[in-house]
Structures are given as structure tokens and as C-alpha cells.
Amino acid sequence: MANHKSALKRIRSNEAKRLTNRYQHKTTRNAIKKLRDMEKAKDAQAFLPSVVSMIDKLAKKNVIHVNKAANLKSGLTKHVASL
């Protein structure tokens, strides 16, 4: 157990950040699945920028690696283009 006041605060803030990151990561994964399941090209093209933005935010906060973000965006863009 932590003995210092700052260490206790760090534990609290880490837990809060972990929960926020977990929520945002799960929301992004659900949005990616939703985009991949879309049948209409027009809907998918309208939804793609918001999904790309979500992926960029995760990469910026180091929730996912930058290269994984680029890989996801590339794959989703190709998928939408193929519709």
C-alpha cells in the first residue's frame, strides 16, 4: 500500500484514467464494428470521418499504438471504398 499522499492521489487518478480509456476504447471498437456491418456506401462514407476521429484520439492518448491506428484507418477506408 502507498504511504505518501501523492502516491495515493496517483492511484486514484490512474484508476479514473483507466476507466475513461477503457470506455472510449470500447466505444471506438463498437463504432468500427458498426461501420464494417454497414451495407450502404453513402451511410458508411458519412460515418467514416467520426470513426477516424475516434481512432486518432485513442492514438493521441496512447491507448492504442500509432501504427495500429494507421492500420485501422487504412483498412476501414479501403472497406468503405469497396462498397
PDB file of N, CA and C in Angstrom:
ATOM      1  N   MET A   1       0.840  -1.189   0.000  1.00  0.00           N
ATOM      2  CA  MET A   1       0.000   0.000   0.000  1.00  0.00           C
ATOM      3  C   MET A   1       0.882   1.247   0.000  1.00  0.00           C
ATOM      4  N   ALA A   2       0.407   2.270  -0.687  1.00  0.00           N
ATOM      5  CA  ALA A   2       1.167   3.513  -0.793  1.00  0.00           C
ATOM      6  C   ALA A   2       1.156   4.264   0.531  1.00  0.00           C
ATOM      7  N   ASN A   3       2.280   4.874   0.847  1.00  0.00           N
ATOM      8  CA  ASN A   3       2.420   5.598   2.107  1.00  0.00           C
ATOM      9  C   ASN A   3       2.335   7.105   1.949  1.00  0.00           C
ATOM     10  N   HIS A   4       2.614   7.610   0.749  1.00  0.00           N
ATOM     11  CA  HIS A   4       2.664   9.048   0.544  1.00  0.00           C
ATOM     12  C   HIS A   4       1.355   9.555  -0.015  1.00  0.00           C
ATOM     13  N   LYS A   5       1.062  10.785   0.306  1.00  0.00           N
ATOM     14  CA  LYS A   5      -0.167  11.414  -0.158  1.00  0.00           C
ATOM     15  C   LYS A   5      -0.208  11.478  -1.685  1.00  0.00           C
ATOM     16  N   SER A   6       0.914  11.809  -2.290  1.00  0.00           N
ATOM     17  CA  SER A   6       0.975  11.921  -3.746  1.00  0.00           C
ATOM     18  C   SER A   6       0.794  10.555  -4.412  1.00  0.00           C
ATOM     19  N   ALA A   7       1.297   9.497  -3.773  1.00  0.00           N
ATOM     20  CA  ALA A   7       1.147   8.149  -4.327  1.00  0.00           C
ATOM     21  C   ALA A   7      -0.315   7.711  -4.279  1.00  0.00           C
ATOM     22  N   LEU A   8      -0.997   8.076  -3.205  1.00  0.00           N
ATOM     23  CA  LEU A   8      -2.426   7.751  -3.099  1.00  0.00           C
ATOM     24  C   LEU A   8      -3.223   8.494  -4.168  1.00  0.00           C
ATOM     25  N   LYS A   9      -2.861   9.754  -4.391  1.00  0.00           N
ATOM     26  CA  LYS A   9      -3.539  10.532  -5.426  1.00  0.00           C
ATOM     27  C   LYS A   9      -3.263   9.932  -6.803  1.00  0.00           C
ATOM     28  N   ARG A  10      -2.034   9.494  -7.030  1.00  0.00           N
ATOM     29  CA  ARG A  10      -1.668   8.887  -8.311  1.00  0.00           C
ATOM     30  C   ARG A  10      -2.493   7.619  -8.559  1.00  0.00           C
ATOM     31  N   ILE A  11      -2.711   6.829  -7.525  1.00  0.00           N
ATOM     32  CA  ILE A  11      -3.527   5.615  -7.652  1.00  0.00           C
ATOM     33  C   ILE A  11      -4.953   5.970  -8.049  1.00  0.00           C
ATOM     34  N   ARG A  12      -5.498   7.000  -7.404  1.00  0.00           N
ATOM     35  CA  ARG A  12      -6.871   7.427  -7.726  1.00  0.00           C
ATOM     36  C   ARG A  12      -6.971   7.941  -9.158  1.00  0.00           C
ATOM     37  N   SER A  13      -6.015   8.782  -9.551  1.00  0.00           N
ATOM     38  CA  SER A  13      -6.085   9.361 -10.893  1.00  0.00           C
ATOM     39  C   SER A  13      -5.838   8.305 -11.971  1.00  0.00           C
ATOM     40  N   ASN A  14      -4.946   7.344 -11.697  1.00  0.00           N
ATOM     41  CA  ASN A  14      -4.707   6.269 -12.662  1.00  0.00           C
ATOM     42  C   ASN A  14      -5.956   5.435 -12.880  1.00  0.00           C
ATOM     43  N   GLU A  15      -6.681   5.157 -11.827  1.00  0.00           N
ATOM     44  CA  GLU A  15      -7.909   4.372 -11.940  1.00  0.00           C
ATOM     45  C   GLU A  15      -8.961   5.125 -12.749  1.00  0.00           C
ATOM     46  N   ALA A  16      -9.080   6.421 -12.513  1.00  0.00           N
ATOM     47  CA  ALA A  16     -10.045   7.225 -13.260  1.00  0.00           C
ATOM     48  C   ALA A  16      -9.681   7.260 -14.737  1.00  0.00           C
ATOM     49  N   LYS A  17      -8.395   7.438 -15.039  1.00  0.00           N
ATOM     50  CA  LYS A  17      -7.944   7.460 -16.430  1.00  0.00           C
ATOM     51  C   LYS A  17      -8.131   6.105 -17.096  1.00  0.00           C
ATOM     52  N   ARG A  18      -7.889   5.032 -16.343  1.00  0.00           N
ATOM     53  CA  ARG A  18      -8.049   3.686 -16.882  1.00  0.00           C
ATOM     54  C   ARG A  18      -9.492   3.443 -17.297  1.00  0.00           C
ATOM     55  N   LEU A  19     -10.426   3.853 -16.459  1.00  0.00           N
ATOM     56  CA  LEU A  19     -11.838   3.668 -16.771  1.00  0.00           C
ATOM     57  C   LEU A  19     -12.264   4.495 -17.983  1.00  0.00           C
ATOM     58  N   THR A  20     -11.769   5.731 -18.056  1.00  0.00           N
ATOM     59  CA  THR A  20     -12.086   6.585 -19.198  1.00  0.00           C
ATOM     60  C   THR A  20     -11.534   5.995 -20.489  1.00  0.00           C
ATOM     61  N   ASN A  21     -10.268   5.556 -20.454  1.00  0.00           N
ATOM     62  CA  ASN A  21      -9.648   4.959 -21.637  1.00  0.00           C
ATOM     63  C   ASN A  21     -10.381   3.693 -22.059  1.00  0.00           C
ATOM     64  N   ARG A  22     -10.772   2.892 -21.089  1.00  0.00           N
ATOM     65  CA  ARG A  22     -11.472   1.648 -21.370  1.00  0.00           C
ATOM     66  C   ARG A  22     -12.816   1.914 -22.043  1.00  0.00           C
ATOM     67  N   TYR A  23     -13.532   2.908 -21.531  1.00  0.00           N
ATOM     68  CA  TYR A  23     -14.829   3.278 -22.111  1.00  0.00           C
ATOM     69  C   TYR A  23     -14.663   3.770 -23.544  1.00  0.00           C
ATOM     70  N   GLN A  24     -13.702   4.655 -23.764  1.00  0.00           N
ATOM     71  CA  GLN A  24     -13.502   5.216 -25.096  1.00  0.00           C
ATOM     72  C   GLN A  24     -13.018   4.158 -26.086  1.00  0.00           C
ATOM     73  N   HIS A  25     -12.168   3.235 -25.622  1.00  0.00           N
ATOM     74  CA  HIS A  25     -11.672   2.177 -26.492  1.00  0.00           C
ATOM     75  C   HIS A  25     -12.811   1.244 -26.901  1.00  0.00           C
ATOM     76  N   LYS A  26     -13.654   0.889 -25.951  1.00  0.00           N
ATOM     77  CA  LYS A  26     -14.792   0.010 -26.243  1.00  0.00           C
ATOM     78  C   LYS A  26     -15.770   0.699 -27.190  1.00  0.00           C
ATOM     79  N   THR A  27     -16.027   1.974 -26.971  1.00  0.00           N
ATOM     80  CA  THR A  27     -16.926   2.731 -27.841  1.00  0.00           C
ATOM     81  C   THR A  27     -16.384   2.778 -29.264  1.00  0.00           C
ATOM     82  N   THR A  28     -15.085   2.973 -29.396  1.00  0.00           N
ATOM     83  CA  THR A  28     -14.468   3.012 -30.719  1.00  0.00           C
ATOM     84  C   THR A  28     -14.553   1.655 -31.401  1.00  0.00           C
ATOM     85  N   ARG A  29     -14.301   0.578 -30.653  1.00  0.00           N
ATOM     86  CA  ARG A  29     -14.392  -0.760 -31.237  1.00  0.00           C
ATOM     87  C   ARG A  29     -15.816  -1.043 -31.722  1.00  0.00           C
ATOM     88  N   ASN A  30     -16.800  -0.625 -30.954  1.00  0.00           N
ATOM     89  CA  ASN A  30     -18.193  -0.808 -31.374  1.00  0.00           C
ATOM     90  C   ASN A  30     -18.502  -0.001 -32.634  1.00  0.00           C
ATOM     91  N   ALA A  31     -17.964   1.211 -32.728  1.00  0.00           N
ATOM     92  CA  ALA A  31     -18.184   2.048 -33.911  1.00  0.00           C
ATOM     93  C   ALA A  31     -17.531   1.418 -35.145  1.00  0.00           C
ATOM     94  N   ILE A  32     -16.358   0.814 -34.957  1.00  0.00           N
ATOM     95  CA  ILE A  32     -15.675   0.148 -36.067  1.00  0.00           C
ATOM     96  C   ILE A  32     -16.503  -1.032 -36.559  1.00  0.00           C
ATOM     97  N   LYS A  33     -17.034  -1.812 -35.619  1.00  0.00           N
ATOM     98  CA  LYS A  33     -17.880  -2.942 -35.998  1.00  0.00           C
ATOM     99  C   LYS A  33     -19.127  -2.464 -36.730  1.00  0.00           C
ATOM    100  N   LYS A  34     -19.706  -1.390 -36.243  1.00  0.00           N
ATOM    101  CA  LYS A  34     -20.904  -0.832 -36.878  1.00  0.00           C
ATOM    102  C   LYS A  34     -20.592  -0.383 -38.309  1.00  0.00           C
ATOM    103  N   LEU A  35     -19.433   0.248 -38.501  1.00  0.00           N
ATOM    104  CA  LEU A  35     -19.035   0.704 -39.834  1.00  0.00           C
ATOM    105  C   LEU A  35     -18.810  -0.483 -40.769  1.00  0.00           C
ATOM    106  N   ARG A  36     -18.181  -1.537 -40.265  1.00  0.00           N
ATOM    107  CA  ARG A  36     -17.922  -2.716 -41.098  1.00  0.00           C
ATOM    108  C   ARG A  36     -19.213  -3.444 -41.477  1.00  0.00           C
ATOM    109  N   ASP A  37     -20.243  -3.328 -40.647  1.00  0.00           N
ATOM    110  CA  ASP A  37     -21.515  -4.008 -40.922  1.00  0.00           C
ATOM    111  C   ASP A  37     -22.422  -3.213 -41.846  1.00  0.00           C
ATOM    112  N   MET A  38     -22.087  -1.954 -42.111  1.00  0.00           N
ATOM    113  CA  MET A  38     -22.948  -1.125 -42.954  1.00  0.00           C
ATOM    114  C   MET A  38     -22.978  -1.645 -44.381  1.00  0.00           C
ATOM    115  N   GLU A  39     -24.161  -1.595 -44.973  1.00  0.00           N
ATOM    116  CA  GLU A  39     -24.355  -2.093 -46.336  1.00  0.00           C
ATOM    117  C   GLU A  39     -24.304  -0.961 -47.359  1.00  0.00           C
ATOM    118  N   LYS A  40     -24.831   0.199 -46.987  1.00  0.00           N
ATOM    119  CA  LYS A  40     -24.935   1.314 -47.928  1.00  0.00           C
ATOM    120  C   LYS A  40     -23.668   2.159 -47.904  1.00  0.00           C
ATOM    121  N   ALA A  41     -23.153   2.455 -49.099  1.00  0.00           N
ATOM    122  CA  ALA A  41     -21.912   3.217 -49.210  1.00  0.00           C
ATOM    123  C   ALA A  41     -22.082   4.642 -48.699  1.00  0.00           C
ATOM    124  N   LYS A  42     -23.247   5.229 -48.948  1.00  0.00           N
ATOM    125  CA  LYS A  42     -23.473   6.615 -48.544  1.00  0.00           C
ATOM    126  C   LYS A  42     -23.435   6.750 -47.019  1.00  0.00           C
ATOM    127  N   ASP A  43     -24.085   5.817 -46.316  1.00  0.00           N
ATOM    128  CA  ASP A  43     -24.071   5.844 -44.850  1.00  0.00           C
ATOM    129  C   ASP A  43     -22.655   5.634 -44.309  1.00  0.00           C
ATOM    130  N   ALA A  44     -21.953   4.698 -44.917  1.00  0.00           N
ATOM    131  CA  ALA A  44     -20.593   4.387 -44.461  1.00  0.00           C
ATOM    132  C   ALA A  44     -19.660   5.573 -44.667  1.00  0.00           C
ATOM    133  N   GLN A  45     -19.792   6.255 -45.804  1.00  0.00           N
ATOM    134  CA  GLN A  45     -18.940   7.420 -46.064  1.00  0.00           C
ATOM    135  C   GLN A  45     -19.242   8.556 -45.098  1.00  0.00           C
ATOM    136  N   ALA A  46     -20.503   8.668 -44.699  1.00  0.00           N
ATOM    137  CA  ALA A  46     -20.863   9.714 -43.743  1.00  0.00           C
ATOM    138  C   ALA A  46     -20.351   9.390 -42.344  1.00  0.00           C
ATOM    139  N   PHE A  47     -20.277   8.096 -42.015  1.00  0.00           N
ATOM    140  CA  PHE A  47     -19.884   7.662 -40.669  1.00  0.00           C
ATOM    141  C   PHE A  47     -18.368   7.546 -40.517  1.00  0.00           C
ATOM    142  N   LEU A  48     -17.651   7.360 -41.629  1.00  0.00           N
ATOM    143  CA  LEU A  48     -16.200   7.139 -41.584  1.00  0.00           C
ATOM    144  C   LEU A  48     -15.417   8.257 -40.890  1.00  0.00           C
ATOM    145  N   PRO A  49     -15.670   9.543 -41.167  1.00  0.00           N
ATOM    146  CA  PRO A  49     -14.869  10.591 -40.503  1.00  0.00           C
ATOM    147  C   PRO A  49     -14.966  10.570 -38.977  1.00  0.00           C
ATOM    148  N   SER A  50     -16.134  10.258 -38.441  1.00  0.00           N
ATOM    149  CA  SER A  50     -16.270  10.222 -36.983  1.00  0.00           C
ATOM    150  C   SER A  50     -15.487   9.047 -36.396  1.00  0.00           C
ATOM    151  N   VAL A  51     -15.484   7.905 -37.091  1.00  0.00           N
ATOM    152  CA  VAL A  51     -14.722   6.744 -36.611  1.00  0.00           C
ATOM    153  C   VAL A  51     -13.227   7.030 -36.677  1.00  0.00           C
ATOM    154  N   VAL A  52     -12.777   7.654 -37.763  1.00  0.00           N
ATOM    155  CA  VAL A  52     -11.360   8.004 -37.907  1.00  0.00           C
ATOM    156  C   VAL A  52     -10.945   8.975 -36.806  1.00  0.00           C
ATOM    157  N   SER A  53     -11.825   9.908 -36.485  1.00  0.00           N
ATOM    158  CA  SER A  53     -11.545  10.859 -35.413  1.00  0.00           C
ATOM    159  C   SER A  53     -11.401  10.143 -34.070  1.00  0.00           C
ATOM    160  N   MET A  54     -12.275   9.181 -33.812  1.00  0.00           N
ATOM    161  CA  MET A  54     -12.195   8.417 -32.562  1.00  0.00           C
ATOM    162  C   MET A  54     -10.876   7.644 -32.486  1.00  0.00           C
ATOM    163  N   ILE A  55     -10.477   7.038 -33.592  1.00  0.00           N
ATOM    164  CA  ILE A  55      -9.220   6.282 -33.632  1.00  0.00           C
ATOM    165  C   ILE A  55      -8.030   7.206 -33.388  1.00  0.00           C
ATOM    166  N   ASP A  56      -8.061   8.388 -34.015  1.00  0.00           N
ATOM    167  CA  ASP A  56      -6.973   9.356 -33.824  1.00  0.00           C
ATOM    168  C   ASP A  56      -6.856   9.801 -32.372  1.00  0.00           C
ATOM    169  N   LYS A  57      -7.991   9.999 -31.715  1.00  0.00           N
ATOM    170  CA  LYS A  57      -7.962  10.411 -30.311  1.00  0.00           C
ATOM    171  C   LYS A  57      -7.350   9.330 -29.432  1.00  0.00           C
ATOM    172  N   LEU A  58      -7.673   8.053 -29.720  1.00  0.00           N
ATOM    173  CA  LEU A  58      -7.084   6.962 -28.945  1.00  0.00           C
ATOM    174  C   LEU A  58      -5.573   6.901 -29.149  1.00  0.00           C
ATOM    175  N   ALA A  59      -5.137   7.104 -30.390  1.00  0.00           N
ATOM    176  CA  ALA A  59      -3.705   7.060 -30.673  1.00  0.00           C
ATOM    177  C   ALA A  59      -2.981   8.234 -30.022  1.00  0.00           C
ATOM    178  N   LYS A  60      -3.623   9.387 -30.023  1.00  0.00           N
ATOM    179  CA  LYS A  60      -3.016  10.582 -29.426  1.00  0.00           C
ATOM    180  C   LYS A  60      -2.800  10.396 -27.926  1.00  0.00           C
ATOM    181  N   LYS A  61      -3.717   9.690 -27.265  1.00  0.00           N
ATOM    182  CA  LYS A  61      -3.609   9.471 -25.828  1.00  0.00           C
ATOM    183  C   LYS A  61      -2.890   8.171 -25.481  1.00  0.00           C
ATOM    184  N   ASN A  62      -2.269   7.535 -26.488  1.00  0.00           N
ATOM    185  CA  ASN A  62      -1.505   6.299 -26.301  1.00  0.00           C
ATOM    186  C   ASN A  62      -2.330   5.138 -25.761  1.00  0.00           C
ATOM    187  N   VAL A  63      -3.632   5.136 -26.053  1.00  0.00           N
ATOM    188  CA  VAL A  63      -4.451   3.988 -25.695  1.00  0.00           C
ATOM    189  C   VAL A  63      -4.163   2.870 -26.689  1.00  0.00           C
ATOM    190  N   ILE A  64      -4.004   3.236 -27.964  1.00  0.00           N
ATOM    191  CA  ILE A  64      -3.549   2.287 -28.979  1.00  0.00           C
ATOM    192  C   ILE A  64      -2.299   2.870 -29.634  1.00  0.00           C
ATOM    193  N   HIS A  65      -1.517   2.004 -30.255  1.00  0.00           N
ATOM    194  CA  HIS A  65      -0.281   2.440 -30.906  1.00  0.00           C
ATOM    195  C   HIS A  65      -0.604   3.216 -32.182  1.00  0.00           C
ATOM    196  N   VAL A  66       0.266   4.126 -32.535  1.00  0.00           N
ATOM    197  CA  VAL A  66       0.064   4.978 -33.707  1.00  0.00           C
ATOM    198  C   VAL A  66      -0.047   4.133 -34.982  1.00  0.00           C
ATOM    199  N   ASN A  67       0.801   3.094 -35.085  1.00  0.00           N
ATOM    200  CA  ASN A  67       0.769   2.248 -36.275  1.00  0.00           C
ATOM    201  C   ASN A  67      -0.517   1.440 -36.357  1.00  0.00           C
ATOM    202  N   LYS A  68      -1.029   0.998 -35.220  1.00  0.00           N
ATOM    203  CA  LYS A  68      -2.302   0.274 -35.209  1.00  0.00           C
ATOM    204  C   LYS A  68      -3.414   1.199 -35.671  1.00  0.00           C
ATOM    205  N   ALA A  69      -3.370   2.446 -35.229  1.00  0.00           N
ATOM    206  CA  ALA A  69      -4.376   3.425 -35.648  1.00  0.00           C
ATOM    207  C   ALA A  69      -4.322   3.618 -37.157  1.00  0.00           C
ATOM    208  N   ALA A  70      -3.122   3.747 -37.697  1.00  0.00           N
ATOM    209  CA  ALA A  70      -2.968   3.929 -39.133  1.00  0.00           C
ATOM    210  C   ALA A  70      -3.470   2.705 -39.887  1.00  0.00           C
ATOM    211  N   ASN A  71      -3.180   1.523 -39.356  1.00  0.00           N
ATOM    212  CA  ASN A  71      -3.622   0.273 -39.970  1.00  0.00           C
ATOM    213  C   ASN A  71      -5.145   0.179 -39.974  1.00  0.00           C
ATOM    214  N   LEU A  72      -5.767   0.533 -38.857  1.00  0.00           N
ATOM    215  CA  LEU A  72      -7.237   0.507 -38.762  1.00  0.00           C
ATOM    216  C   LEU A  72      -7.870   1.489 -39.744  1.00  0.00           C
ATOM    217  N   LYS A  73      -7.334   2.703 -39.778  1.00  0.00           N
ATOM    218  CA  LYS A  73      -7.889   3.727 -40.670  1.00  0.00           C
ATOM    219  C   LYS A  73      -7.756   3.309 -42.125  1.00  0.00           C
ATOM    220  N   SER A  74      -6.617   2.730 -42.472  1.00  0.00           N
ATOM    221  CA  SER A  74      -6.393   2.289 -43.844  1.00  0.00           C
ATOM    222  C   SER A  74      -7.382   1.192 -44.226  1.00  0.00           C
ATOM    223  N   GLY A  75      -7.539   0.224 -43.337  1.00  0.00           N
ATOM    224  CA  GLY A  75      -8.451  -0.883 -43.619  1.00  0.00           C
ATOM    225  C   GLY A  75      -9.890  -0.427 -43.743  1.00  0.00           C
ATOM    226  N   LEU A  76     -10.294   0.483 -42.867  1.00  0.00           N
ATOM    227  CA  LEU A  76     -11.671   0.987 -42.911  1.00  0.00           C
ATOM    228  C   LEU A  76     -11.910   1.813 -44.170  1.00  0.00           C
ATOM    229  N   THR A  77     -10.927   2.606 -44.560  1.00  0.00           N
ATOM    230  CA  THR A  77     -11.062   3.419 -45.769  1.00  0.00           C
ATOM    231  C   THR A  77     -11.189   2.526 -46.998  1.00  0.00           C
ATOM    232  N   LYS A  78     -10.380   1.466 -47.060  1.00  0.00           N
ATOM    233  CA  LYS A  78     -10.474   0.517 -48.171  1.00  0.00           C
ATOM    234  C   LYS A  78     -11.836  -0.166 -48.186  1.00  0.00           C
ATOM    235  N   HIS A  79     -12.324  -0.533 -47.003  1.00  0.00           N
ATOM    236  CA  HIS A  79     -13.626  -1.196 -46.912  1.00  0.00           C
ATOM    237  C   HIS A  79     -14.746  -0.290 -47.419  1.00  0.00           C
ATOM    238  N   VAL A  80     -14.728   0.969 -47.004  1.00  0.00           N
ATOM    239  CA  VAL A  80     -15.764   1.911 -47.426  1.00  0.00           C
ATOM    240  C   VAL A  80     -15.666   2.149 -48.926  1.00  0.00           C
ATOM    241  N   ALA A  81     -14.458   2.224 -49.459  1.00  0.00           N
ATOM    242  CA  ALA A  81     -14.273   2.449 -50.890  1.00  0.00           C
ATOM    243  C   ALA A  81     -14.778   1.269 -51.711  1.00  0.00           C
ATOM    244  N   SER A  82     -14.727   0.064 -51.134  1.00  0.00           N
ATOM    245  CA  SER A  82     -15.152  -1.126 -51.874  1.00  0.00           C
ATOM    246  C   SER A  82     -16.660  -1.315 -51.893  1.00  0.00           C
ATOM    247  N   LEU A  83     -17.390  -0.543 -51.097  1.00  0.00           N
ATOM    248  CA  LEU A  83     -18.857  -0.683 -51.041  1.00  0.00           C
ATOM    249  C   LEU A  83     -19.517  -0.145 -52.297  1.00  0.00           C
TER     250      LEU A  83
END
